[in-house]
Amino acid sequence: MPDHYREFGESLLDFEVRDDDVWVCSFPKTGTTWTQEMVWCIANDLDYEGARVSLDLRFPFVDVPGIFYHSKVDRIKSDLAMLTHEPLTFLEGCDSPRFIKSHLPFELLPLKLQKRQSKAKIVAVTRNPRDTCVSYFHHCKLYEGYTGDFEDFCKLFLNDAVTYAPFDRNVLSYWNRKDTDPSIIFVKYEDMKKDLPSVIKRVSAFLGKEYTDSEIGVLAEHLSFESMKRNPAVVREEILQEVGLTADDSVFREGKIGGWKKAMTAEMVKEFEAWTASRFLSTGLDWEYDP
């Protein structure tokens, strides 16, 4: 293992977590950006003017140097460069409360979080693995240099050979703690799509906030797919430009439940059904695949 990765991993484990930190943790392409924006707005008293600042600055991605060290982010030279190369240093200089994103499983988070030596809160979000696989495929083609086809990517996903895999161990590391650790709340992408106001209320209560139905309605509109897709603070226009992409290449592609139906063959669906049953059947975690 190159020294960079070992050193970064050790630094992350030793990272000084604050009691009022709020973390959003997820497997990639499961609704992370959507959840980040929701959490930040709820925790910051619906400060939509403050939300005009880049989400990357408001909600740094803490593990990015350990994942994309040799990818397109090395080309970023703007004021956001520290976020992509030294997020821990950036976070050390941030005022509280801090908002932090990670795709790591619980067991790789800072030790103060693992040992519950902090009152920091974790909002864990997940999405059904079929739609996650489709979305991750498109993401990897754009950002991680993947050149294979979707069928091969599905095989990589099912064989735990994509970044942050295994999917089930990542997701279950939070799911299995949600009932015993009051500092963790578990949210499903599908629930956000079906009844976003209810999820907003639930997360608000978790973060110690309370809003009127009218205020929740305004936030739900702010968080709608079309609104988010047009929001320059969350589509990362500045970073996209620096790595040679456009706003059309943002993290917001379709935002639908069941997009896998158009992408997967009958054989792929069968393989995912067997895989999901073997990994999740006894856990109590399931997803409704249909809108």
Protein backbone atom coordinates (compact mmCIF):
# COMPACT_ATOMS: atom_id res chain seq x y z
CA MET A 1 0.00 0.00 0.00
CA PRO A 2 1.42 3.45 -0.94
CA ASP A 3 2.37 5.59 2.06
CA HIS A 4 -0.25 8.18 1.11
CA TYR A 5 -3.16 5.82 1.75
CA ARG A 6 -1.75 4.43 4.99
CA GLU A 7 -1.00 7.89 6.33
CA PHE A 8 -4.41 9.20 5.37
CA GLY A 9 -6.18 6.22 6.95
CA GLU A 10 -4.29 6.71 10.20
CA SER A 11 -5.05 10.44 10.19
CA LEU A 12 -8.74 9.79 9.63
CA LEU A 13 -8.95 7.26 12.47
CA ASP A 14 -7.31 9.81 14.79
CA PHE A 15 -9.42 12.72 13.54
CA GLU A 16 -10.74 14.86 16.40
CA VAL A 17 -14.52 14.58 16.22
CA ARG A 18 -16.56 17.32 17.88
CA ASP A 19 -19.76 16.77 19.83
CA ASP A 20 -21.82 18.90 17.46
CA ASP A 21 -20.50 17.39 14.22
CA VAL A 22 -23.14 16.02 11.85
CA TRP A 23 -22.08 13.28 9.45
CA VAL A 24 -23.88 11.96 6.37
CA CYS A 25 -22.64 8.45 5.64
CA SER A 26 -23.60 6.32 2.66
CA PHE A 27 -22.51 3.99 -0.10
CA PRO A 28 -21.90 6.06 -3.28
CA LYS A 29 -24.87 6.97 -5.47
CA THR A 30 -27.54 6.30 -2.85
CA GLY A 31 -28.84 9.84 -2.38
CA THR A 32 -25.86 11.34 -0.58
CA THR A 33 -25.90 14.84 -2.08
CA TRP A 34 -29.67 15.07 -1.68
CA THR A 35 -29.38 14.08 1.98
CA GLN A 36 -26.49 16.48 2.59
CA GLU A 37 -28.52 19.44 1.34
CA MET A 38 -31.52 18.37 3.42
CA VAL A 39 -29.44 17.94 6.59
CA TRP A 40 -27.58 21.23 6.15
CA CYS A 41 -30.76 23.22 5.61
CA ILE A 42 -32.53 21.60 8.56
CA ALA A 43 -29.61 22.10 10.93
CA ASN A 44 -29.05 25.70 9.81
CA ASP A 45 -32.61 26.93 10.39
CA LEU A 46 -33.58 26.88 6.70
CA ASP A 47 -30.89 29.39 5.75
CA TYR A 48 -31.43 29.36 1.99
CA GLU A 49 -29.11 32.32 1.50
CA GLY A 50 -26.31 30.43 3.25
CA ALA A 51 -27.17 27.41 1.12
CA ARG A 52 -26.05 29.36 -1.96
CA VAL A 53 -22.46 28.54 -0.94
CA SER A 54 -21.01 25.44 -2.58
CA LEU A 55 -22.13 22.27 -0.82
CA ASP A 56 -18.53 21.06 -0.95
CA LEU A 57 -17.54 23.95 1.32
CA ARG A 58 -20.54 23.56 3.60
CA PHE A 59 -20.29 19.76 3.78
CA PRO A 60 -16.74 18.50 3.02
CA PHE A 61 -16.14 14.97 1.72
CA VAL A 62 -13.72 13.68 4.34
CA ASP A 63 -12.37 10.52 2.69
CA VAL A 64 -11.77 11.82 -0.82
CA PRO A 65 -7.93 11.77 -0.65
CA GLY A 66 -8.01 8.06 0.16
CA ILE A 67 -10.15 7.25 -2.87
CA PHE A 68 -9.42 9.65 -5.72
CA TYR A 69 -5.73 10.30 -5.17
CA HIS A 70 -4.83 9.39 -8.74
CA SER A 71 -7.97 10.60 -10.52
CA LYS A 72 -9.33 13.76 -12.05
CA VAL A 73 -9.47 15.61 -8.73
CA ASP A 74 -5.70 16.03 -8.93
CA ARG A 75 -6.35 18.59 -11.67
CA ILE A 76 -8.38 20.87 -9.40
CA LYS A 77 -6.47 24.10 -8.75
CA SER A 78 -9.22 26.37 -7.42
CA ASP A 79 -10.01 27.42 -3.86
CA LEU A 80 -11.67 24.02 -3.49
CA ALA A 81 -8.33 22.25 -3.91
CA MET A 82 -7.80 21.86 -0.15
CA LEU A 83 -11.14 20.06 0.08
CA THR A 84 -10.00 17.44 -2.39
CA HIS A 85 -6.45 17.04 -1.11
CA GLU A 86 -6.55 17.98 2.59
CA PRO A 87 -10.14 17.81 3.88
CA LEU A 88 -9.01 16.96 7.42
CA THR A 89 -6.92 20.12 7.59
CA PHE A 90 -9.80 22.10 6.13
CA LEU A 91 -12.22 20.70 8.70
CA GLU A 92 -9.88 21.45 11.58
CA GLY A 93 -10.21 25.13 10.68
CA CYS A 94 -14.01 25.11 10.34
CA ASP A 95 -16.30 26.65 12.91
CA SER A 96 -18.80 24.44 14.67
CA PRO A 97 -21.12 22.85 13.92
CA ARG A 98 -19.36 21.03 11.12
CA PHE A 99 -21.07 18.93 8.46
CA ILE A 100 -19.08 16.00 7.09
CA LYS A 101 -19.69 13.50 4.28
CA SER A 102 -18.22 10.00 4.10
CA HIS A 103 -18.80 6.88 2.03
CA LEU A 104 -16.88 4.70 4.49
CA PRO A 105 -18.46 1.94 6.56
CA PHE A 106 -18.86 2.63 10.26
CA GLU A 107 -15.79 0.54 11.13
CA LEU A 108 -13.48 2.89 9.20
CA LEU A 109 -14.77 6.16 10.64
CA PRO A 110 -12.73 8.09 13.25
CA LEU A 111 -12.24 6.13 16.45
CA LYS A 112 -14.07 8.73 18.51
CA LEU A 113 -17.18 7.97 16.46
CA GLN A 114 -16.72 4.23 16.60
CA LYS A 115 -16.20 4.21 20.36
CA ARG A 116 -19.03 6.75 20.88
CA GLN A 117 -16.66 9.12 22.64
CA SER A 118 -18.47 11.99 20.97
CA LYS A 119 -22.08 13.15 20.79
CA ALA A 120 -21.74 13.68 17.03
CA LYS A 121 -24.69 12.51 14.95
CA ILE A 122 -24.75 10.32 11.87
CA VAL A 123 -27.42 10.38 9.17
CA ALA A 124 -26.99 7.15 7.19
CA VAL A 125 -28.75 6.93 3.82
CA THR A 126 -29.15 3.97 1.46
CA ARG A 127 -30.84 3.06 -1.81
CA ASN A 128 -31.87 -0.22 -3.39
CA PRO A 129 -28.79 -1.95 -4.83
CA ARG A 130 -30.13 -2.24 -8.39
CA ASP A 131 -30.64 1.50 -8.87
CA THR A 132 -27.41 2.12 -6.96
CA CYS A 133 -25.52 -0.08 -9.43
CA VAL A 134 -26.98 1.74 -12.46
CA SER A 135 -26.18 5.17 -11.04
CA TYR A 136 -22.70 4.10 -9.93
CA PHE A 137 -21.97 2.80 -13.43
CA HIS A 138 -22.64 6.22 -14.96
CA HIS A 139 -20.66 7.92 -12.19
CA CYS A 140 -17.63 5.68 -12.72
CA LYS A 141 -17.65 6.32 -16.47
CA LEU A 142 -17.56 10.06 -15.89
CA TYR A 143 -15.34 10.39 -12.86
CA GLU A 144 -13.28 7.24 -12.34
CA GLY A 145 -12.20 6.30 -15.84
CA TYR A 146 -14.28 3.14 -16.16
CA THR A 147 -14.35 2.00 -19.81
CA GLY A 148 -16.25 -1.29 -19.62
CA ASP A 149 -19.91 -1.91 -20.38
CA PHE A 150 -22.81 -2.08 -17.94
CA GLU A 151 -22.95 -5.88 -17.89
CA ASP A 152 -19.33 -6.07 -16.77
CA PHE A 153 -19.93 -3.35 -14.19
CA CYS A 154 -22.81 -5.36 -12.72
CA LYS A 155 -20.44 -8.30 -12.32
CA LEU A 156 -17.94 -6.06 -10.55
CA PHE A 157 -20.67 -4.72 -8.26
CA LEU A 158 -21.99 -8.17 -7.37
CA ASN A 159 -18.46 -9.45 -6.73
CA ASP A 160 -17.54 -6.58 -4.39
CA ALA A 161 -15.00 -5.18 -6.85
CA VAL A 162 -16.09 -1.53 -6.98
CA THR A 163 -14.86 1.28 -4.77
CA TYR A 164 -16.35 1.15 -1.24
CA ALA A 165 -17.66 -2.39 -1.73
CA PRO A 166 -18.99 -4.66 -0.36
CA PHE A 167 -22.30 -2.79 -0.63
CA ASP A 168 -24.00 -4.91 2.02
CA ARG A 169 -21.25 -4.59 4.64
CA ASN A 170 -21.14 -0.84 4.09
CA VAL A 171 -24.91 -0.38 4.45
CA LEU A 172 -25.38 -2.90 7.25
CA SER A 173 -22.63 -1.32 9.33
CA TYR A 174 -25.13 1.49 9.98
CA TRP A 175 -28.39 -0.46 9.71
CA ASN A 176 -27.32 -2.88 12.45
CA ARG A 177 -26.59 -0.01 14.85
CA LYS A 178 -29.62 2.20 14.25
CA ASP A 179 -31.76 0.69 17.04
CA THR A 180 -29.08 0.67 19.71
CA ASP A 181 -27.21 3.89 18.95
CA PRO A 182 -29.35 7.04 19.36
CA SER A 183 -26.71 9.02 17.49
CA ILE A 184 -27.53 7.22 14.22
CA ILE A 185 -30.62 7.67 12.05
CA PHE A 186 -31.17 5.51 8.97
CA VAL A 187 -32.89 6.94 5.89
CA LYS A 188 -33.91 5.26 2.63
CA TYR A 189 -33.74 7.04 -0.71
CA GLU A 190 -37.04 5.42 -1.66
CA ASP A 191 -38.77 6.95 1.37
CA MET A 192 -37.44 10.38 0.40
CA LYS A 193 -38.86 9.94 -3.09
CA LYS A 194 -42.25 8.77 -1.86
CA ASP A 195 -42.81 11.15 1.07
CA LEU A 196 -40.06 13.73 1.45
CA PRO A 197 -41.95 15.91 3.99
CA SER A 198 -42.21 12.95 6.37
CA VAL A 199 -38.49 12.26 6.10
CA ILE A 200 -37.76 15.96 6.67
CA LYS A 201 -39.84 15.86 9.86
CA ARG A 202 -38.09 12.74 11.07
CA VAL A 203 -34.59 14.08 10.40
CA SER A 204 -35.53 17.45 11.89
CA ALA A 205 -36.54 15.77 15.15
CA PHE A 206 -33.29 13.80 15.14
CA LEU A 207 -31.33 17.06 14.79
CA GLY A 208 -33.37 18.82 17.48
CA LYS A 209 -35.29 21.06 15.09
CA GLU A 210 -39.00 21.62 14.54
CA TYR A 211 -40.62 23.31 11.55
CA THR A 212 -44.15 24.13 10.47
CA ASP A 213 -45.83 22.27 7.62
CA SER A 214 -45.44 25.40 5.50
CA GLU A 215 -41.70 25.59 6.18
CA ILE A 216 -41.32 21.89 5.43
CA GLY A 217 -43.17 22.41 2.15
CA VAL A 218 -40.75 25.14 1.12
CA LEU A 219 -37.78 22.93 2.00
CA ALA A 220 -39.29 20.00 0.08
CA GLU A 221 -39.54 22.23 -2.99
CA HIS A 222 -35.94 23.37 -2.51
CA LEU A 223 -34.97 19.69 -2.40
CA SER A 224 -37.02 18.62 -5.42
CA PHE A 225 -35.05 16.91 -8.17
CA GLU A 226 -35.57 19.71 -10.69
CA SER A 227 -34.60 22.36 -8.14
CA MET A 228 -31.49 20.49 -7.07
CA LYS A 229 -30.45 19.84 -10.66
CA ARG A 230 -30.58 23.61 -11.36
CA ASN A 231 -28.82 24.57 -8.12
CA PRO A 232 -25.21 25.61 -8.86
CA ALA A 233 -24.28 25.15 -5.19
CA VAL A 234 -24.94 21.41 -5.34
CA VAL A 235 -24.12 20.43 -8.94
CA ARG A 236 -20.46 21.39 -8.39
CA GLU A 237 -20.18 23.49 -11.55
CA GLU A 238 -16.77 24.88 -10.60
CA ILE A 239 -15.21 21.46 -10.07
CA LEU A 240 -16.90 20.00 -13.15
CA GLN A 241 -15.40 22.74 -15.30
CA GLU A 242 -11.92 22.18 -13.90
CA VAL A 243 -11.97 18.47 -14.73
CA GLY A 244 -13.38 19.04 -18.21
CA LEU A 245 -17.06 18.23 -17.59
CA THR A 246 -20.27 20.27 -17.78
CA ALA A 247 -23.35 20.76 -15.61
CA ASP A 248 -25.02 18.01 -17.66
CA ASP A 249 -22.50 15.63 -16.08
CA SER A 250 -23.54 16.46 -12.52
CA VAL A 251 -24.50 13.95 -9.83
CA PHE A 252 -28.16 14.45 -10.77
CA ARG A 253 -28.97 12.20 -13.72
CA GLU A 254 -32.53 10.84 -13.46
CA GLY A 255 -33.31 10.57 -9.76
CA LYS A 256 -35.94 7.87 -10.24
CA ILE A 257 -36.88 4.67 -8.47
CA GLY A 258 -36.80 1.67 -10.77
CA GLY A 259 -34.42 2.99 -13.41
CA TRP A 260 -32.74 -0.43 -13.32
CA LYS A 261 -35.69 -1.85 -15.27
CA LYS A 262 -34.51 -0.12 -18.43
CA ALA A 263 -30.85 -0.96 -17.90
CA MET A 264 -30.84 -4.59 -16.78
CA THR A 265 -31.49 -7.73 -18.76
CA ALA A 266 -33.63 -10.52 -17.31
CA GLU A 267 -30.46 -12.41 -16.45
CA MET A 268 -28.99 -9.44 -14.59
CA VAL A 269 -32.23 -9.05 -12.62
CA LYS A 270 -32.14 -12.71 -11.67
CA GLU A 271 -28.55 -12.39 -10.48
CA PHE A 272 -29.39 -9.32 -8.39
CA GLU A 273 -32.39 -11.06 -6.85
CA ALA A 274 -30.26 -13.98 -5.72
CA TRP A 275 -27.48 -11.69 -4.52
CA THR A 276 -29.85 -9.44 -2.56
CA ALA A 277 -31.55 -12.42 -0.93
CA SER A 278 -28.23 -13.92 0.14
CA ARG A 279 -26.93 -10.64 1.56
CA PHE A 280 -30.02 -9.07 3.12
CA LEU A 281 -32.77 -11.66 3.66
CA SER A 282 -31.97 -12.20 7.34
CA THR A 283 -31.20 -8.57 8.16
CA GLY A 284 -34.67 -7.02 8.10
CA LEU A 285 -33.53 -4.45 5.54
CA ASP A 286 -35.39 -4.41 2.24
CA TRP A 287 -36.43 -1.97 -0.45
CA GLU A 288 -39.55 -1.40 -2.47
CA TYR A 289 -38.34 -1.36 -6.06
CA ASP A 290 -41.43 0.08 -7.71
CA PRO A 291 -42.33 3.82 -7.60
